[in-house]
Amino acid sequence: MTRINNDSAKLASTPGKNQDTIWRRSRLNLSGFLIFNLIAIAVPMKGYAHDSKRGNPGVHREMLHQSILPDFPDHIVTALTVEIAPGAVVGPHRHGGFVYVYLLQGRISSQVEGEDPVEYSRGQSWIEPAGALHKHTENPSKTEPAKFLAVIYSEENAIITQPDKDSRD
């Protein structure tokens, strides 16, 4: 997983930059990002169905919203929740766009190719670059389901989630 780095300290040392101004700008940018996503989820969908994947027992995907991004021609934003049953594993896969993930419930163990596995807890978030091989996703709990919100920014005709048949867990 790629974690969001806070470069405010680097920017604050730049001549002519005010750390307080940079911090406020960063908060506003993040606030705008989150507000945009919450609005995108709240807007009624235009008949999109559940995004259920066969052959993945213990994993339930529910499409919340999908719409064209007016400021980015030929691009869409897709929001969905994914619930993973206790002990369930998601096989290797790739996403056709940039993914922002927020863990709503439980814990998730996740690994993207080239990075160490990371275990996330409720309230944490992370990003995944477009096309990166997501080698492993698992709910390590034996009793509690895990649920996360995924917001994916992609080209309009991209395959949102594609199983990777050539890789092995």
Protein backbone atom coordinates (compact mmCIF):
# COMPACT_ATOMS: atom_id res chain seq x y z
CA MET A 1 0.00 0.00 0.00
CA THR A 2 1.14 3.52 -0.60
CA ARG A 3 0.71 5.82 2.35
CA ILE A 4 0.03 9.51 1.95
CA ASN A 5 3.09 11.49 3.05
CA ASN A 6 2.76 14.89 4.63
CA ASP A 7 5.29 17.17 2.94
CA SER A 8 4.30 20.26 4.94
CA ALA A 9 7.65 20.29 6.73
CA LYS A 10 9.52 20.38 3.40
CA LEU A 11 7.26 23.09 2.01
CA ALA A 12 7.44 25.15 5.19
CA SER A 13 11.20 25.43 4.84
CA THR A 14 10.77 26.87 1.34
CA PRO A 15 11.56 30.61 1.30
CA GLY A 16 8.40 32.70 1.19
CA LYS A 17 6.17 29.87 2.43
CA ASN A 18 4.31 30.17 5.71
CA GLN A 19 3.83 26.85 7.53
CA ASP A 20 0.46 27.93 8.92
CA THR A 21 -0.75 28.83 5.41
CA ILE A 22 0.48 25.50 4.03
CA TRP A 23 -1.24 23.58 6.84
CA ARG A 24 -4.53 25.41 6.20
CA ARG A 25 -4.22 24.79 2.45
CA SER A 26 -3.55 21.06 3.08
CA ARG A 27 -6.59 20.82 5.36
CA LEU A 28 -8.75 22.59 2.78
CA ASN A 29 -7.55 20.31 -0.02
CA LEU A 30 -8.24 17.20 2.09
CA SER A 31 -11.60 18.60 3.20
CA GLY A 32 -12.55 19.31 -0.41
CA PHE A 33 -11.49 15.80 -1.43
CA LEU A 34 -13.58 14.19 1.33
CA ILE A 35 -16.60 16.44 0.71
CA PHE A 36 -16.49 15.65 -3.01
CA ASN A 37 -16.46 11.92 -2.26
CA LEU A 38 -19.29 12.14 0.27
CA ILE A 39 -21.40 14.10 -2.22
CA ALA A 40 -20.56 11.61 -4.95
CA ILE A 41 -21.77 8.78 -2.71
CA ALA A 42 -24.93 10.60 -1.62
CA VAL A 43 -26.08 11.47 -5.16
CA PRO A 44 -28.61 8.90 -6.42
CA MET A 45 -27.23 6.24 -8.73
CA LYS A 46 -28.42 5.78 -12.27
CA GLY A 47 -29.37 2.10 -12.12
CA TYR A 48 -25.98 0.55 -11.34
CA ALA A 49 -26.25 -2.89 -9.77
CA HIS A 50 -24.17 -4.69 -7.15
CA ASP A 51 -20.64 -5.48 -8.17
CA SER A 52 -20.63 -9.09 -7.03
CA LYS A 53 -17.72 -11.25 -7.98
CA ARG A 54 -18.34 -14.96 -8.40
CA GLY A 55 -15.90 -17.44 -6.91
CA ASN A 56 -14.93 -15.21 -3.98
CA PRO A 57 -16.85 -16.65 -1.00
CA GLY A 58 -16.99 -14.42 2.04
CA VAL A 59 -16.63 -11.21 -0.01
CA HIS A 60 -19.60 -8.96 -0.73
CA ARG A 61 -19.29 -5.85 -2.89
CA GLU A 62 -21.98 -3.23 -3.10
CA MET A 63 -21.84 -0.46 -5.68
CA LEU A 64 -22.83 2.84 -4.08
CA HIS A 65 -22.26 5.30 -6.88
CA GLN A 66 -20.66 5.73 -10.28
CA SER A 67 -20.58 8.89 -12.34
CA ILE A 68 -18.64 10.73 -15.00
CA LEU A 69 -16.22 13.37 -13.72
CA PRO A 70 -17.20 16.59 -15.51
CA ASP A 71 -13.76 18.21 -15.13
CA PHE A 72 -11.90 15.12 -16.40
CA PRO A 73 -13.23 13.99 -19.79
CA ASP A 74 -13.63 10.23 -20.21
CA HIS A 75 -13.02 9.55 -16.49
CA ILE A 76 -15.36 8.25 -13.78
CA VAL A 77 -15.50 7.98 -10.02
CA THR A 78 -16.80 4.73 -8.55
CA ALA A 79 -17.66 4.28 -4.87
CA LEU A 80 -18.37 0.89 -3.35
CA THR A 81 -18.25 -0.92 -0.05
CA VAL A 82 -16.57 -4.27 0.32
CA GLU A 83 -17.35 -6.56 3.23
CA ILE A 84 -14.99 -9.44 3.95
CA ALA A 85 -16.15 -12.24 6.25
CA PRO A 86 -13.96 -13.38 9.17
CA GLY A 87 -10.94 -15.29 7.83
CA ALA A 88 -11.87 -14.69 4.18
CA VAL A 89 -9.17 -13.97 1.58
CA VAL A 90 -9.36 -12.02 -1.68
CA GLY A 91 -7.12 -13.37 -4.43
CA PRO A 92 -4.57 -11.38 -6.43
CA HIS A 93 -6.09 -8.59 -8.51
CA ARG A 94 -5.49 -5.21 -10.13
CA HIS A 95 -7.62 -2.07 -10.32
CA GLY A 96 -8.14 -0.06 -13.49
CA GLY A 97 -7.74 3.23 -11.64
CA PHE A 98 -6.37 5.02 -8.59
CA VAL A 99 -8.01 3.68 -5.39
CA TYR A 100 -8.61 5.45 -2.07
CA VAL A 101 -9.66 3.04 0.72
CA TYR A 102 -11.15 3.85 4.14
CA LEU A 103 -11.63 1.01 6.63
CA LEU A 104 -15.09 1.32 8.20
CA GLN A 105 -15.06 -1.81 10.39
CA GLY A 106 -12.66 -4.52 11.52
CA ARG A 107 -9.10 -5.17 10.32
CA ILE A 108 -7.58 -5.87 6.91
CA SER A 109 -4.20 -7.37 6.07
CA SER A 110 -3.14 -6.18 2.64
CA GLN A 111 -0.10 -6.37 0.36
CA VAL A 112 0.69 -4.64 -2.91
CA GLU A 113 3.52 -6.04 -5.04
CA GLY A 114 6.91 -4.69 -4.03
CA GLU A 115 5.74 -3.67 -0.56
CA ASP A 116 5.54 -5.42 2.80
CA PRO A 117 2.14 -6.61 4.06
CA VAL A 118 0.34 -4.03 6.21
CA GLU A 119 -2.47 -4.57 8.70
CA TYR A 120 -5.01 -1.75 8.87
CA SER A 121 -7.57 -1.09 11.61
CA ARG A 122 -10.91 0.70 11.64
CA GLY A 123 -10.53 4.39 10.78
CA GLN A 124 -7.32 4.02 8.78
CA SER A 125 -7.04 4.77 5.07
CA TRP A 126 -4.59 4.12 2.25
CA ILE A 127 -4.19 4.46 -1.49
CA GLU A 128 -3.35 2.01 -4.25
CA PRO A 129 -1.85 3.16 -7.57
CA ALA A 130 -3.71 2.28 -10.77
CA GLY A 131 -2.68 -1.09 -12.19
CA ALA A 132 -0.65 -2.17 -9.14
CA LEU A 133 -0.80 -5.89 -8.34
CA HIS A 134 -2.73 -6.29 -5.11
CA LYS A 135 -1.18 -9.59 -4.06
CA HIS A 136 -3.14 -10.30 -0.92
CA THR A 137 -6.14 -9.02 1.02
CA GLU A 138 -7.39 -10.84 4.09
CA ASN A 139 -9.59 -10.36 7.11
CA PRO A 140 -7.31 -11.71 9.88
CA SER A 141 -10.13 -11.83 12.46
CA LYS A 142 -11.78 -15.15 13.22
CA THR A 143 -14.96 -13.48 14.52
CA GLU A 144 -15.46 -9.94 13.15
CA PRO A 145 -16.22 -8.98 9.54
CA ALA A 146 -14.22 -6.18 7.92
CA LYS A 147 -15.82 -3.52 5.76
CA PHE A 148 -14.25 -0.72 3.76
CA LEU A 149 -15.20 2.07 1.41
CA ALA A 150 -13.28 2.14 -1.87
CA VAL A 151 -13.36 5.19 -4.12
CA ILE A 152 -11.84 4.52 -7.54
CA TYR A 153 -10.90 7.13 -10.11
CA SER A 154 -10.48 5.59 -13.57
CA GLU A 155 -10.95 5.99 -17.27
CA GLU A 156 -14.57 5.48 -18.28
CA ASN A 157 -14.01 2.11 -19.98
CA ALA A 158 -11.51 0.70 -17.46
CA ILE A 159 -12.15 -2.61 -15.72
CA ILE A 160 -12.54 -1.60 -12.08
CA THR A 161 -11.26 -4.88 -10.59
CA GLN A 162 -9.54 -7.59 -12.60
CA PRO A 163 -8.42 -10.91 -11.07
CA ASP A 164 -4.75 -11.56 -11.81
CA LYS A 165 -4.57 -15.14 -13.06
CA ASP A 166 -0.79 -15.08 -13.59
CA SER A 167 0.16 -14.40 -9.97
CA ARG A 168 0.13 -16.69 -7.02
CA ASP A 169 -0.56 -15.68 -3.44
